[in-house]
């Protein structure tokens, strides 16, 4: 209101960030349906350790910068670039990472084809001097090679024709990966991660691809990826219940993300897993009901909270009880508990030594772990 009264122009967030991206010679946009925050964080740490003094904008708290942004004094701007409502189309990148293209935000995009088209439009923003780094294991990402005007670098695990590939992958008892990276068929570097899951190998490959392009020394890449212990709410360890039951919190709110989290913990050593899931938005729950049931079925025990409405009203005739019915149909041990205090009581009464509890979702499910740890 005050801005309007004083004739001060108003713009949306995407447009404003777009203005900022034009102020830097090297704007590096990290995009994709999943993994943006982690990859932005990995990349930021590499650039900081290489003393490139980047400006940073990331979608979670990153310990290395004491928050979710950093103002540097160099030509580098590293930012998490979200596809929702096509916001990233307002940016002016010199380098893009596209981690994956998946079926999400259907409340806005309506169809998967519209999502794919939006990422194509994003890739087309790059000029002849631009760089696109993308996932060769994702066919929609790989297809962008045919339209990008500038340099194209690919990475992958399954697709051995990629420029950067991971080989000789092993996991320790924490689920942390150790692997070799090969560049264009030749051994490049050995990496040890301090975050769990196969999906983080892909995130590390994307990071390494960009770092190599910007001539960051291999030892800096190794050191930074080893130092990185995760961003806030990305399989974040919160503490232990009764000194033996590990509690983690994760932002996963899409079936693909839940599946990645379930896969990540399978490399950890534990007794039984307990997933406490708060679905995020009615439209996403409705559109992905079957896939939510499949991905959650990877856990031993599932507790469902009410759907977190976020920006929506329930015009979709959907509730967590519909998801519960699907899980029970799949033969899974699942229960619906709407009250957080009751969830805490149930977990305290039913979990056993060396079990693992993971709270999942993008809403208020974060309140569960502090209650458990009181």
Foldseek 3Di string as FASTA:
>chain_A
DVCVVVVNDDDDPLLVVQVVLVVAPAEEEEEEPDDLQVLLLLLVLLCVLLVQFEWEAHDFQRVVQRGRTDDGDHRYYGYYAYCAVLSLLSHQHQEYEYEEQDDDPCVPQVDSVSSLVSVLSNQQSHAQNGEYEYEPVHVSGVVSVVPHNYHYAYEYAPPPQGQKYWPPWDAAQQQWIWTWIAGRNHTDATATAQEHFPSVVSSLRSSVVVCVVVVRDRVSSRVSRHPDNDGPQCQAWDDAFVNFETEGGHADQALVSLLRVLRRCVSHDFDFEEEEEAHEAPVRCLVCLLSNLVSVQSGQEYEYEWHDHVPHDPPPPDIVVSSVVNNVVVVHHYYYDHDLVVVLVVCVVPDDGRYYYYYYHNDDSVVNVVVNVD
